[in-house]
């Protein structure tokens, strides 16, 4: 897995937000170029404009048991406020577009897992 880009970067080696969500999709390597253009105008636009999302990093893997794109999305505070970003009608439409055009397995190919920092 290698770092590709970050619409909301961090200057730390490891994200240190209270919550970290992993968001993974499998995108066929032949679609990466078109997918990256599309996601900059859609997914990344949503993330850049969501104050609650404090960091959003994109990693790609091609040789893996789970090839594709992994996003690390970090935030502090209220989980419900964060989830509103990704449960909005606009974002649901984006996921549908991705499922129709880029994600292997369609919309059901989006895997998410939320972790909380324990100190």
PDB file of N, CA and C in Angstrom:
ATOM      1  N   UNK A   1       0.848  -1.157   0.000  1.00  0.00           N
ATOM      2  CA  UNK A   1       0.000   0.000   0.000  1.00  0.00           C
ATOM      3  C   UNK A   1       0.902   1.231   0.000  1.00  0.00           C
ATOM      4  N   UNK A   2       0.560   2.209  -0.813  1.00  0.00           N
ATOM      5  CA  UNK A   2       1.358   3.427  -0.859  1.00  0.00           C
ATOM      6  C   UNK A   2       0.459   4.660  -0.812  1.00  0.00           C
ATOM      7  N   UNK A   3       0.972   5.679  -0.131  1.00  0.00           N
ATOM      8  CA  UNK A   3       0.257   6.944  -0.024  1.00  0.00           C
ATOM      9  C   UNK A   3       0.160   7.574  -1.406  1.00  0.00           C
ATOM     10  N   UNK A   4      -1.006   8.137  -1.735  1.00  0.00           N
ATOM     11  CA  UNK A   4      -1.210   8.741  -3.040  1.00  0.00           C
ATOM     12  C   UNK A   4      -1.461  10.234  -2.924  1.00  0.00           C
ATOM     13  N   UNK A   5      -2.429  10.622  -2.104  1.00  0.00           N
ATOM     14  CA  UNK A   5      -2.750  12.040  -1.961  1.00  0.00           C
ATOM     15  C   UNK A   5      -3.646  12.258  -0.759  1.00  0.00           C
ATOM     16  N   UNK A   6      -3.806  13.530  -0.390  1.00  0.00           N
ATOM     17  CA  UNK A   6      -4.626  13.852   0.771  1.00  0.00           C
ATOM     18  C   UNK A   6      -5.347  15.174   0.560  1.00  0.00           C
ATOM     19  N   UNK A   7      -6.667  15.127   0.442  1.00  0.00           N
ATOM     20  CA  UNK A   7      -7.404  16.381   0.375  1.00  0.00           C
ATOM     21  C   UNK A   7      -7.382  17.116   1.716  1.00  0.00           C
ATOM     22  N   UNK A   8      -7.144  16.378   2.810  1.00  0.00           N
ATOM     23  CA  UNK A   8      -6.948  16.963   4.145  1.00  0.00           C
ATOM     24  C   UNK A   8      -5.811  16.193   4.795  1.00  0.00           C
ATOM     25  N   UNK A   9      -4.638  16.778   4.795  1.00  0.00           N
ATOM     26  CA  UNK A   9      -3.424  16.103   5.241  1.00  0.00           C
ATOM     27  C   UNK A   9      -3.162  16.317   6.725  1.00  0.00           C
ATOM     28  N   UNK A  10      -2.202  15.585   7.237  1.00  0.00           N
ATOM     29  CA  UNK A  10      -1.721  15.742   8.599  1.00  0.00           C
ATOM     30  C   UNK A  10      -0.207  15.818   8.557  1.00  0.00           C
ATOM     31  N   UNK A  11       0.392  16.553   9.488  1.00  0.00           N
ATOM     32  CA  UNK A  11       1.849  16.633   9.525  1.00  0.00           C
ATOM     33  C   UNK A  11       2.448  15.575  10.450  1.00  0.00           C
ATOM     34  N   UNK A  12       1.599  14.700  10.981  1.00  0.00           N
ATOM     35  CA  UNK A  12       2.059  13.639  11.874  1.00  0.00           C
ATOM     36  C   UNK A  12       2.278  12.351  11.089  1.00  0.00           C
ATOM     37  N   UNK A  13       3.120  11.490  11.627  1.00  0.00           N
ATOM     38  CA  UNK A  13       3.373  10.208  10.970  1.00  0.00           C
ATOM     39  C   UNK A  13       2.160   9.284  11.050  1.00  0.00           C
ATOM     40  N   UNK A  14       1.431   9.378  12.149  1.00  0.00           N
ATOM     41  CA  UNK A  14       0.263   8.531  12.370  1.00  0.00           C
ATOM     42  C   UNK A  14      -0.901   9.444  12.753  1.00  0.00           C
ATOM     43  N   UNK A  15      -2.075   9.238  12.171  1.00  0.00           N
ATOM     44  CA  UNK A  15      -3.226  10.065  12.551  1.00  0.00           C
ATOM     45  C   UNK A  15      -3.478   9.988  14.063  1.00  0.00           C
ATOM     46  N   UNK A  16      -3.808  11.124  14.660  1.00  0.00           N
ATOM     47  CA  UNK A  16      -4.017  11.142  16.110  1.00  0.00           C
ATOM     48  C   UNK A  16      -5.387  11.694  16.491  1.00  0.00           C
ATOM     49  N   UNK A  17      -6.329  11.629  15.570  1.00  0.00           N
ATOM     50  CA  UNK A  17      -7.677  12.075  15.875  1.00  0.00           C
ATOM     51  C   UNK A  17      -8.350  11.071  16.819  1.00  0.00           C
ATOM     52  N   UNK A  18      -9.399  11.499  17.492  1.00  0.00           N
ATOM     53  CA  UNK A  18     -10.129  10.641  18.417  1.00  0.00           C
ATOM     54  C   UNK A  18     -10.740   9.442  17.689  1.00  0.00           C
ATOM     55  N   UNK A  19     -11.199   9.670  16.461  1.00  0.00           N
ATOM     56  CA  UNK A  19     -11.793   8.598  15.662  1.00  0.00           C
ATOM     57  C   UNK A  19     -11.077   8.501  14.323  1.00  0.00           C
ATOM     58  N   UNK A  20     -10.971   7.282  13.826  1.00  0.00           N
ATOM     59  CA  UNK A  20     -10.386   7.035  12.514  1.00  0.00           C
ATOM     60  C   UNK A  20     -11.292   6.031  11.803  1.00  0.00           C
ATOM     61  N   UNK A  21     -11.729   6.422  10.615  1.00  0.00           N
ATOM     62  CA  UNK A  21     -12.556   5.513   9.826  1.00  0.00           C
ATOM     63  C   UNK A  21     -11.754   5.032   8.633  1.00  0.00           C
ATOM     64  N   UNK A  22     -11.750   3.726   8.425  1.00  0.00           N
ATOM     65  CA  UNK A  22     -11.150   3.145   7.229  1.00  0.00           C
ATOM     66  C   UNK A  22     -12.273   2.976   6.226  1.00  0.00           C
ATOM     67  N   UNK A  23     -12.039   3.432   5.016  1.00  0.00           N
ATOM     68  CA  UNK A  23     -13.015   3.326   3.930  1.00  0.00           C
ATOM     69  C   UNK A  23     -12.282   2.675   2.763  1.00  0.00           C
ATOM     70  N   UNK A  24     -12.689   1.489   2.366  1.00  0.00           N
ATOM     71  CA  UNK A  24     -11.966   0.745   1.334  1.00  0.00           C
ATOM     72  C   UNK A  24     -12.893   0.372   0.183  1.00  0.00           C
ATOM     73  N   UNK A  25     -12.384   0.543  -1.022  1.00  0.00           N
ATOM     74  CA  UNK A  25     -13.071   0.070  -2.221  1.00  0.00           C
ATOM     75  C   UNK A  25     -12.040  -0.587  -3.128  1.00  0.00           C
ATOM     76  N   UNK A  26     -12.487  -1.572  -3.870  1.00  0.00           N
ATOM     77  CA  UNK A  26     -11.626  -2.179  -4.878  1.00  0.00           C
ATOM     78  C   UNK A  26     -11.929  -1.517  -6.206  1.00  0.00           C
ATOM     79  N   UNK A  27     -10.903  -0.909  -6.778  1.00  0.00           N
ATOM     80  CA  UNK A  27     -11.010  -0.263  -8.082  1.00  0.00           C
ATOM     81  C   UNK A  27     -10.040  -0.973  -9.014  1.00  0.00           C
ATOM     82  N   UNK A  28     -10.512  -1.483 -10.128  1.00  0.00           N
ATOM     83  CA  UNK A  28      -9.598  -2.145 -11.055  1.00  0.00           C
ATOM     84  C   UNK A  28      -8.472  -1.188 -11.464  1.00  0.00           C
ATOM     85  N   UNK A  29      -7.230  -1.650 -11.465  1.00  0.00           N
ATOM     86  CA  UNK A  29      -6.101  -0.774 -11.820  1.00  0.00           C
ATOM     87  C   UNK A  29      -6.297  -0.042 -13.156  1.00  0.00           C
ATOM     88  N   UNK A  30      -6.968  -0.665 -14.095  1.00  0.00           N
ATOM     89  CA  UNK A  30      -7.188  -0.011 -15.395  1.00  0.00           C
ATOM     90  C   UNK A  30      -8.100   1.209 -15.275  1.00  0.00           C
ATOM     91  N   UNK A  31      -8.821   1.339 -14.167  1.00  0.00           N
ATOM     92  CA  UNK A  31      -9.754   2.448 -13.963  1.00  0.00           C
ATOM     93  C   UNK A  31      -9.182   3.546 -13.073  1.00  0.00           C
ATOM     94  N   UNK A  32      -7.986   3.354 -12.500  1.00  0.00           N
ATOM     95  CA  UNK A  32      -7.436   4.305 -11.523  1.00  0.00           C
ATOM     96  C   UNK A  32      -7.382   5.735 -12.048  1.00  0.00           C
ATOM     97  N   UNK A  33      -6.904   5.920 -13.260  1.00  0.00           N
ATOM     98  CA  UNK A  33      -6.732   7.282 -13.777  1.00  0.00           C
ATOM     99  C   UNK A  33      -8.081   8.019 -13.849  1.00  0.00           C
ATOM    100  N   UNK A  34      -9.072   7.403 -14.434  1.00  0.00           N
ATOM    101  CA  UNK A  34     -10.401   8.015 -14.529  1.00  0.00           C
ATOM    102  C   UNK A  34     -11.016   8.168 -13.143  1.00  0.00           C
ATOM    103  N   UNK A  35     -10.830   7.174 -12.291  1.00  0.00           N
ATOM    104  CA  UNK A  35     -11.369   7.216 -10.934  1.00  0.00           C
ATOM    105  C   UNK A  35     -10.773   8.377 -10.139  1.00  0.00           C
ATOM    106  N   UNK A  36      -9.465   8.571 -10.252  1.00  0.00           N
ATOM    107  CA  UNK A  36      -8.817   9.664  -9.506  1.00  0.00           C
ATOM    108  C   UNK A  36      -9.345  11.017  -9.949  1.00  0.00           C
ATOM    109  N   UNK A  37      -9.567  11.228 -11.223  1.00  0.00           N
ATOM    110  CA  UNK A  37     -10.150  12.495 -11.711  1.00  0.00           C
ATOM    111  C   UNK A  37     -11.555  12.678 -11.134  1.00  0.00           C
ATOM    112  N   UNK A  38     -12.351  11.630 -11.244  1.00  0.00           N
ATOM    113  CA  UNK A  38     -13.728  11.675 -10.768  1.00  0.00           C
ATOM    114  C   UNK A  38     -13.793  11.932  -9.259  1.00  0.00           C
ATOM    115  N   UNK A  39     -12.985  11.219  -8.463  1.00  0.00           N
ATOM    116  CA  UNK A  39     -13.064  11.361  -7.011  1.00  0.00           C
ATOM    117  C   UNK A  39     -12.613  12.729  -6.538  1.00  0.00           C
ATOM    118  N   UNK A  40     -11.707  13.380  -7.271  1.00  0.00           N
ATOM    119  CA  UNK A  40     -11.284  14.726  -6.895  1.00  0.00           C
ATOM    120  C   UNK A  40     -12.461  15.697  -6.986  1.00  0.00           C
ATOM    121  N   UNK A  41     -13.331  15.482  -7.970  1.00  0.00           N
ATOM    122  CA  UNK A  41     -14.477  16.367  -8.174  1.00  0.00           C
ATOM    123  C   UNK A  41     -15.682  15.974  -7.319  1.00  0.00           C
ATOM    124  N   UNK A  42     -15.664  14.796  -6.732  1.00  0.00           N
ATOM    125  CA  UNK A  42     -16.836  14.317  -5.993  1.00  0.00           C
ATOM    126  C   UNK A  42     -16.482  14.043  -4.530  1.00  0.00           C
ATOM    127  N   UNK A  43     -15.871  12.910  -4.259  1.00  0.00           N
ATOM    128  CA  UNK A  43     -15.538  12.511  -2.888  1.00  0.00           C
ATOM    129  C   UNK A  43     -14.688  13.574  -2.208  1.00  0.00           C
ATOM    130  N   UNK A  44     -13.609  13.977  -2.858  1.00  0.00           N
ATOM    131  CA  UNK A  44     -12.701  14.934  -2.230  1.00  0.00           C
ATOM    132  C   UNK A  44     -13.337  16.305  -2.067  1.00  0.00           C
ATOM    133  N   UNK A  45     -14.233  16.673  -2.964  1.00  0.00           N
ATOM    134  CA  UNK A  45     -14.944  17.939  -2.816  1.00  0.00           C
ATOM    135  C   UNK A  45     -15.796  17.926  -1.542  1.00  0.00           C
ATOM    136  N   UNK A  46     -16.493  16.839  -1.307  1.00  0.00           N
ATOM    137  CA  UNK A  46     -17.297  16.709  -0.090  1.00  0.00           C
ATOM    138  C   UNK A  46     -16.403  16.802   1.144  1.00  0.00           C
ATOM    139  N   UNK A  47     -15.312  16.065   1.136  1.00  0.00           N
ATOM    140  CA  UNK A  47     -14.408  16.012   2.285  1.00  0.00           C
ATOM    141  C   UNK A  47     -13.771  17.379   2.545  1.00  0.00           C
ATOM    142  N   UNK A  48     -13.307  18.044   1.492  1.00  0.00           N
ATOM    143  CA  UNK A  48     -12.674  19.360   1.666  1.00  0.00           C
ATOM    144  C   UNK A  48     -13.627  20.361   2.316  1.00  0.00           C
ATOM    145  N   UNK A  49     -14.909  20.232   2.027  1.00  0.00           N
ATOM    146  CA  UNK A  49     -15.899  21.181   2.521  1.00  0.00           C
ATOM    147  C   UNK A  49     -16.581  20.747   3.817  1.00  0.00           C
ATOM    148  N   UNK A  50     -16.192  19.622   4.368  1.00  0.00           N
ATOM    149  CA  UNK A  50     -16.776  19.131   5.620  1.00  0.00           C
ATOM    150  C   UNK A  50     -15.830  19.475   6.769  1.00  0.00           C
ATOM    151  N   UNK A  51     -16.212  20.461   7.552  1.00  0.00           N
ATOM    152  CA  UNK A  51     -15.352  20.897   8.659  1.00  0.00           C
ATOM    153  C   UNK A  51     -15.079  19.788   9.660  1.00  0.00           C
ATOM    154  N   UNK A  52     -16.040  18.912   9.877  1.00  0.00           N
ATOM    155  CA  UNK A  52     -15.892  17.851  10.867  1.00  0.00           C
ATOM    156  C   UNK A  52     -14.807  16.841  10.480  1.00  0.00           C
ATOM    157  N   UNK A  53     -14.530  16.676   9.190  1.00  0.00           N
ATOM    158  CA  UNK A  53     -13.478  15.760   8.731  1.00  0.00           C
ATOM    159  C   UNK A  53     -12.149  16.495   8.840  1.00  0.00           C
ATOM    160  N   UNK A  54     -11.293  16.019   9.732  1.00  0.00           N
ATOM    161  CA  UNK A  54     -10.035  16.710  10.004  1.00  0.00           C
ATOM    162  C   UNK A  54      -8.878  16.202   9.158  1.00  0.00           C
ATOM    163  N   UNK A  55      -8.936  14.954   8.751  1.00  0.00           N
ATOM    164  CA  UNK A  55      -7.920  14.437   7.837  1.00  0.00           C
ATOM    165  C   UNK A  55      -8.556  13.403   6.941  1.00  0.00           C
ATOM    166  N   UNK A  56      -8.029  13.315   5.735  1.00  0.00           N
ATOM    167  CA  UNK A  56      -8.536  12.344   4.767  1.00  0.00           C
ATOM    168  C   UNK A  56      -7.373  12.001   3.854  1.00  0.00           C
ATOM    169  N   UNK A  57      -6.886  10.784   3.967  1.00  0.00           N
ATOM    170  CA  UNK A  57      -5.702  10.333   3.244  1.00  0.00           C
ATOM    171  C   UNK A  57      -6.077   9.189   2.306  1.00  0.00           C
ATOM    172  N   UNK A  58      -5.490   9.170   1.125  1.00  0.00           N
ATOM    173  CA  UNK A  58      -5.771   8.115   0.153  1.00  0.00           C
ATOM    174  C   UNK A  58      -4.525   7.261  -0.078  1.00  0.00           C
ATOM    175  N   UNK A  59      -4.705   5.963   0.026  1.00  0.00           N
ATOM    176  CA  UNK A  59      -3.654   4.987  -0.235  1.00  0.00           C
ATOM    177  C   UNK A  59      -4.167   4.020  -1.300  1.00  0.00           C
ATOM    178  N   UNK A  60      -3.247   3.537  -2.141  1.00  0.00           N
ATOM    179  CA  UNK A  60      -3.615   2.555  -3.171  1.00  0.00           C
ATOM    180  C   UNK A  60      -2.744   1.319  -3.016  1.00  0.00           C
ATOM    181  N   UNK A  61      -3.339   0.185  -3.277  1.00  0.00           N
ATOM    182  CA  UNK A  61      -2.564  -1.054  -3.329  1.00  0.00           C
ATOM    183  C   UNK A  61      -2.940  -1.798  -4.604  1.00  0.00           C
ATOM    184  N   UNK A  62      -1.977  -2.454  -5.186  1.00  0.00           N
ATOM    185  CA  UNK A  62      -2.256  -3.254  -6.376  1.00  0.00           C
ATOM    186  C   UNK A  62      -1.922  -4.719  -6.141  1.00  0.00           C
ATOM    187  N   UNK A  63      -0.995  -4.983  -5.243  1.00  0.00           N
ATOM    188  CA  UNK A  63      -0.649  -6.357  -4.901  1.00  0.00           C
ATOM    189  C   UNK A  63      -1.046  -6.555  -3.445  1.00  0.00           C
ATOM    190  N   UNK A  64      -2.170  -7.214  -3.248  1.00  0.00           N
ATOM    191  CA  UNK A  64      -2.718  -7.352  -1.905  1.00  0.00           C
ATOM    192  C   UNK A  64      -3.828  -8.386  -1.937  1.00  0.00           C
ATOM    193  N   UNK A  65      -4.200  -8.875  -0.764  1.00  0.00           N
ATOM    194  CA  UNK A  65      -5.378  -9.729  -0.705  1.00  0.00           C
ATOM    195  C   UNK A  65      -6.633  -8.881  -0.849  1.00  0.00           C
ATOM    196  N   UNK A  66      -6.501  -7.565  -0.655  1.00  0.00           N
ATOM    197  CA  UNK A  66      -7.594  -6.610  -0.846  1.00  0.00           C
ATOM    198  C   UNK A  66      -7.083  -5.430  -1.665  1.00  0.00           C
ATOM    199  N   UNK A  67      -6.884  -5.616  -2.971  1.00  0.00           N
ATOM    200  CA  UNK A  67      -6.360  -4.520  -3.780  1.00  0.00           C
ATOM    201  C   UNK A  67      -7.382  -3.394  -3.897  1.00  0.00           C
ATOM    202  N   UNK A  68      -6.889  -2.208  -4.104  1.00  0.00           N
ATOM    203  CA  UNK A  68      -7.802  -1.094  -4.323  1.00  0.00           C
ATOM    204  C   UNK A  68      -7.363   0.172  -3.641  1.00  0.00           C
ATOM    205  N   UNK A  69      -8.334   0.892  -3.104  1.00  0.00           N
ATOM    206  CA  UNK A  69      -8.126   2.210  -2.526  1.00  0.00           C
ATOM    207  C   UNK A  69      -8.572   2.179  -1.068  1.00  0.00           C
ATOM    208  N   UNK A  70      -7.702   2.652  -0.177  1.00  0.00           N
ATOM    209  CA  UNK A  70      -8.034   2.757   1.239  1.00  0.00           C
ATOM    210  C   UNK A  70      -7.952   4.225   1.627  1.00  0.00           C
ATOM    211  N   UNK A  71      -9.035   4.729   2.182  1.00  0.00           N
ATOM    212  CA  UNK A  71      -9.055   6.083   2.708  1.00  0.00           C
ATOM    213  C   UNK A  71      -8.991   6.006   4.224  1.00  0.00           C
ATOM    214  N   UNK A  72      -8.181   6.862   4.834  1.00  0.00           N
ATOM    215  CA  UNK A  72      -8.180   7.043   6.274  1.00  0.00           C
ATOM    216  C   UNK A  72      -8.830   8.391   6.522  1.00  0.00           C
ATOM    217  N   UNK A  73      -9.928   8.381   7.251  1.00  0.00           N
ATOM    218  CA  UNK A  73     -10.692   9.593   7.520  1.00  0.00           C
ATOM    219  C   UNK A  73     -10.728   9.816   9.017  1.00  0.00           C
ATOM    220  N   UNK A  74     -10.166  10.937   9.478  1.00  0.00           N
ATOM    221  CA  UNK A  74     -10.067  11.191  10.905  1.00  0.00           C
ATOM    222  C   UNK A  74     -10.905  12.366  11.358  1.00  0.00           C
ATOM    223  N   UNK A  75     -11.438  12.243  12.571  1.00  0.00           N
ATOM    224  CA  UNK A  75     -12.238  13.324  13.143  1.00  0.00           C
ATOM    225  C   UNK A  75     -12.230  13.227  14.660  1.00  0.00           C
ATOM    226  N   UNK A  76     -12.599  14.321  15.299  1.00  0.00           N
ATOM    227  CA  UNK A  76     -12.768  14.388  16.745  1.00  0.00           C
ATOM    228  C   UNK A  76     -14.210  14.766  17.030  1.00  0.00           C
ATOM    229  N   UNK A  77     -14.720  14.337  18.167  1.00  0.00           N
ATOM    230  CA  UNK A  77     -16.044  14.797  18.566  1.00  0.00           C
ATOM    231  C   UNK A  77     -17.167  13.839  18.249  1.00  0.00           C
ATOM    232  N   UNK A  78     -18.269  14.402  17.798  1.00  0.00           N
ATOM    233  CA  UNK A  78     -19.533  13.695  17.657  1.00  0.00           C
ATOM    234  C   UNK A  78     -19.568  12.784  16.422  1.00  0.00           C
ATOM    235  N   UNK A  79     -19.802  11.498  16.651  1.00  0.00           N
ATOM    236  CA  UNK A  79     -19.862  10.522  15.561  1.00  0.00           C
ATOM    237  C   UNK A  79     -21.035  10.825  14.629  1.00  0.00           C
ATOM    238  N   UNK A  80     -22.178  11.206  15.192  1.00  0.00           N
ATOM    239  CA  UNK A  80     -23.353  11.489  14.359  1.00  0.00           C
ATOM    240  C   UNK A  80     -23.106  12.661  13.414  1.00  0.00           C
ATOM    241  N   UNK A  81     -22.432  13.697  13.902  1.00  0.00           N
ATOM    242  CA  UNK A  81     -22.120  14.858  13.041  1.00  0.00           C
ATOM    243  C   UNK A  81     -21.206  14.427  11.895  1.00  0.00           C
ATOM    244  N   UNK A  82     -20.246  13.575  12.193  1.00  0.00           N
ATOM    245  CA  UNK A  82     -19.344  13.057  11.161  1.00  0.00           C
ATOM    246  C   UNK A  82     -20.114  12.219  10.138  1.00  0.00           C
ATOM    247  N   UNK A  83     -20.953  11.320  10.636  1.00  0.00           N
ATOM    248  CA  UNK A  83     -21.679  10.419   9.746  1.00  0.00           C
ATOM    249  C   UNK A  83     -22.648  11.159   8.830  1.00  0.00           C
ATOM    250  N   UNK A  84     -23.131  12.336   9.234  1.00  0.00           N
ATOM    251  CA  UNK A  84     -24.014  13.127   8.374  1.00  0.00           C
ATOM    252  C   UNK A  84     -23.339  13.457   7.044  1.00  0.00           C
ATOM    253  N   UNK A  85     -22.024  13.645   7.077  1.00  0.00           N
ATOM    254  CA  UNK A  85     -21.280  13.945   5.844  1.00  0.00           C
ATOM    255  C   UNK A  85     -21.454  12.805   4.844  1.00  0.00           C
ATOM    256  N   UNK A  86     -21.312  11.567   5.307  1.00  0.00           N
ATOM    257  CA  UNK A  86     -21.320  10.408   4.425  1.00  0.00           C
ATOM    258  C   UNK A  86     -22.709   9.781   4.257  1.00  0.00           C
ATOM    259  N   UNK A  87     -23.683  10.298   5.002  1.00  0.00           N
ATOM    260  CA  UNK A  87     -25.065   9.842   4.845  1.00  0.00           C
ATOM    261  C   UNK A  87     -25.933  10.864   4.128  1.00  0.00           C
ATOM    262  N   UNK A  88     -25.313  11.940   3.659  1.00  0.00           N
ATOM    263  CA  UNK A  88     -26.064  12.977   2.951  1.00  0.00           C
ATOM    264  C   UNK A  88     -26.536  12.445   1.595  1.00  0.00           C
ATOM    265  N   UNK A  89     -27.554  13.084   1.046  1.00  0.00           N
ATOM    266  CA  UNK A  89     -28.062  12.678  -0.270  1.00  0.00           C
ATOM    267  C   UNK A  89     -26.968  12.810  -1.332  1.00  0.00           C
ATOM    268  N   UNK A  90     -26.180  13.882  -1.245  1.00  0.00           N
ATOM    269  CA  UNK A  90     -25.103  14.067  -2.226  1.00  0.00           C
ATOM    270  C   UNK A  90     -24.116  12.908  -2.162  1.00  0.00           C
ATOM    271  N   UNK A  91     -23.711  12.523  -0.957  1.00  0.00           N
ATOM    272  CA  UNK A  91     -22.724  11.456  -0.844  1.00  0.00           C
ATOM    273  C   UNK A  91     -23.313  10.103  -1.241  1.00  0.00           C
ATOM    274  N   UNK A  92     -24.574   9.881  -0.935  1.00  0.00           N
ATOM    275  CA  UNK A  92     -25.221   8.634  -1.376  1.00  0.00           C
ATOM    276  C   UNK A  92     -25.210   8.545  -2.903  1.00  0.00           C
ATOM    277  N   UNK A  93     -25.427   9.683  -3.560  1.00  0.00           N
ATOM    278  CA  UNK A  93     -25.373   9.723  -5.029  1.00  0.00           C
ATOM    279  C   UNK A  93     -23.956   9.425  -5.521  1.00  0.00           C
ATOM    280  N   UNK A  94     -22.961   9.956  -4.824  1.00  0.00           N
ATOM    281  CA  UNK A  94     -21.561   9.705  -5.185  1.00  0.00           C
ATOM    282  C   UNK A  94     -21.242   8.213  -5.069  1.00  0.00           C
ATOM    283  N   UNK A  95     -21.684   7.587  -3.988  1.00  0.00           N
ATOM    284  CA  UNK A  95     -21.442   6.147  -3.806  1.00  0.00           C
ATOM    285  C   UNK A  95     -22.127   5.350  -4.915  1.00  0.00           C
ATOM    286  N   UNK A  96     -23.320   5.773  -5.288  1.00  0.00           N
ATOM    287  CA  UNK A  96     -24.021   5.087  -6.383  1.00  0.00           C
ATOM    288  C   UNK A  96     -23.248   5.241  -7.693  1.00  0.00           C
ATOM    289  N   UNK A  97     -22.760   6.449  -7.970  1.00  0.00           N
ATOM    290  CA  UNK A  97     -21.954   6.671  -9.176  1.00  0.00           C
ATOM    291  C   UNK A  97     -20.709   5.784  -9.159  1.00  0.00           C
ATOM    292  N   UNK A  98     -20.033   5.759  -8.016  1.00  0.00           N
ATOM    293  CA  UNK A  98     -18.815   4.949  -7.894  1.00  0.00           C
ATOM    294  C   UNK A  98     -19.130   3.479  -8.121  1.00  0.00           C
ATOM    295  N   UNK A  99     -20.224   3.024  -7.531  1.00  0.00           N
ATOM    296  CA  UNK A  99     -20.615   1.628  -7.684  1.00  0.00           C
ATOM    297  C   UNK A  99     -20.936   1.272  -9.128  1.00  0.00           C
ATOM    298  N   UNK A 100     -21.529   2.211  -9.843  1.00  0.00           N
ATOM    299  CA  UNK A 100     -21.887   1.963 -11.242  1.00  0.00           C
ATOM    300  C   UNK A 100     -20.680   2.025 -12.174  1.00  0.00           C
ATOM    301  N   UNK A 101     -19.656   2.806 -11.806  1.00  0.00           N
ATOM    302  CA  UNK A 101     -18.561   3.054 -12.741  1.00  0.00           C
ATOM    303  C   UNK A 101     -17.204   2.505 -12.320  1.00  0.00           C
ATOM    304  N   UNK A 102     -16.907   2.483 -11.023  1.00  0.00           N
ATOM    305  CA  UNK A 102     -15.521   2.227 -10.609  1.00  0.00           C
ATOM    306  C   UNK A 102     -15.310   1.100  -9.603  1.00  0.00           C
ATOM    307  N   UNK A 103     -16.247   0.871  -8.710  1.00  0.00           N
ATOM    308  CA  UNK A 103     -16.031  -0.084  -7.622  1.00  0.00           C
ATOM    309  C   UNK A 103     -16.387  -1.492  -8.070  1.00  0.00           C
ATOM    310  N   UNK A 104     -15.453  -2.418  -7.877  1.00  0.00           N
ATOM    311  CA  UNK A 104     -15.724  -3.820  -8.135  1.00  0.00           C
ATOM    312  C   UNK A 104     -16.787  -4.275  -7.145  1.00  0.00           C
ATOM    313  N   UNK A 105     -17.836  -4.878  -7.639  1.00  0.00           N
ATOM    314  CA  UNK A 105     -18.916  -5.326  -6.765  1.00  0.00           C
ATOM    315  C   UNK A 105     -19.972  -4.268  -6.513  1.00  0.00           C
ATOM    316  N   UNK A 106     -19.880  -3.138  -7.195  1.00  0.00           N
ATOM    317  CA  UNK A 106     -20.880  -2.097  -7.039  1.00  0.00           C
ATOM    318  C   UNK A 106     -20.836  -1.430  -5.679  1.00  0.00           C
ATOM    319  N   UNK A 107     -21.941  -0.805  -5.307  1.00  0.00           N
ATOM    320  CA  UNK A 107     -22.010  -0.072  -4.037  1.00  0.00           C
ATOM    321  C   UNK A 107     -21.686  -0.947  -2.839  1.00  0.00           C
ATOM    322  N   UNK A 108     -21.997  -2.227  -2.932  1.00  0.00           N
ATOM    323  CA  UNK A 108     -21.734  -3.142  -1.818  1.00  0.00           C
ATOM    324  C   UNK A 108     -20.245  -3.389  -1.631  1.00  0.00           C
ATOM    325  N   UNK A 109     -19.436  -2.919  -2.572  1.00  0.00           N
ATOM    326  CA  UNK A 109     -17.991  -3.070  -2.479  1.00  0.00           C
ATOM    327  C   UNK A 109     -17.328  -2.038  -1.579  1.00  0.00           C
ATOM    328  N   UNK A 110     -18.113  -1.123  -1.005  1.00  0.00           N
ATOM    329  CA  UNK A 110     -17.569  -0.125  -0.076  1.00  0.00           C
ATOM    330  C   UNK A 110     -17.537  -0.720   1.322  1.00  0.00           C
ATOM    331  N   UNK A 111     -16.333  -0.824   1.873  1.00  0.00           N
ATOM    332  CA  UNK A 111     -16.128  -1.355   3.224  1.00  0.00           C
ATOM    333  C   UNK A 111     -15.765  -0.186   4.117  1.00  0.00           C
ATOM    334  N   UNK A 112     -16.420  -0.066   5.266  1.00  0.00           N
ATOM    335  CA  UNK A 112     -16.051   0.959   6.242  1.00  0.00           C
ATOM    336  C   UNK A 112     -15.935   0.332   7.618  1.00  0.00           C
ATOM    337  N   UNK A 113     -15.021   0.866   8.395  1.00  0.00           N
ATOM    338  CA  UNK A 113     -14.842   0.439   9.781  1.00  0.00           C
ATOM    339  C   UNK A 113     -14.397   1.650  10.579  1.00  0.00           C
ATOM    340  N   UNK A 114     -15.026   1.891  11.709  1.00  0.00           N
ATOM    341  CA  UNK A 114     -14.732   3.041  12.550  1.00  0.00           C
ATOM    342  C   UNK A 114     -14.007   2.596  13.805  1.00  0.00           C
ATOM    343  N   UNK A 115     -12.898   3.285  14.121  1.00  0.00           N
ATOM    344  CA  UNK A 115     -12.107   2.984  15.299  1.00  0.00           C
ATOM    345  C   UNK A 115     -12.029   4.230  16.190  1.00  0.00           C
ATOM    346  N   UNK A 116     -11.977   3.994  17.488  1.00  0.00           N
ATOM    347  CA  UNK A 116     -11.830   5.091  18.440  1.00  0.00           C
ATOM    348  C   UNK A 116     -10.497   4.941  19.155  1.00  0.00           C
ATOM    349  N   UNK A 117      -9.791   6.062  19.316  1.00  0.00           N
ATOM    350  CA  UNK A 117      -8.517   6.079  20.022  1.00  0.00           C
ATOM    351  C   UNK A 117      -8.759   5.801  21.495  1.00  0.00           C
ATOM    352  N   UNK A 118      -8.029   4.863  22.036  1.00  0.00           N
ATOM    353  CA  UNK A 118      -8.111   4.545  23.456  1.00  0.00           C
ATOM    354  C   UNK A 118      -6.798   4.994  24.097  1.00  0.00           C
ATOM    355  N   UNK A 119      -6.928   5.820  25.105  1.00  0.00           N
ATOM    356  CA  UNK A 119      -5.688   6.286  25.751  1.00  0.00           C
ATOM    357  C   UNK A 119      -5.643   5.920  27.213  1.00  0.00           C
TER     358      UNK A 119
END
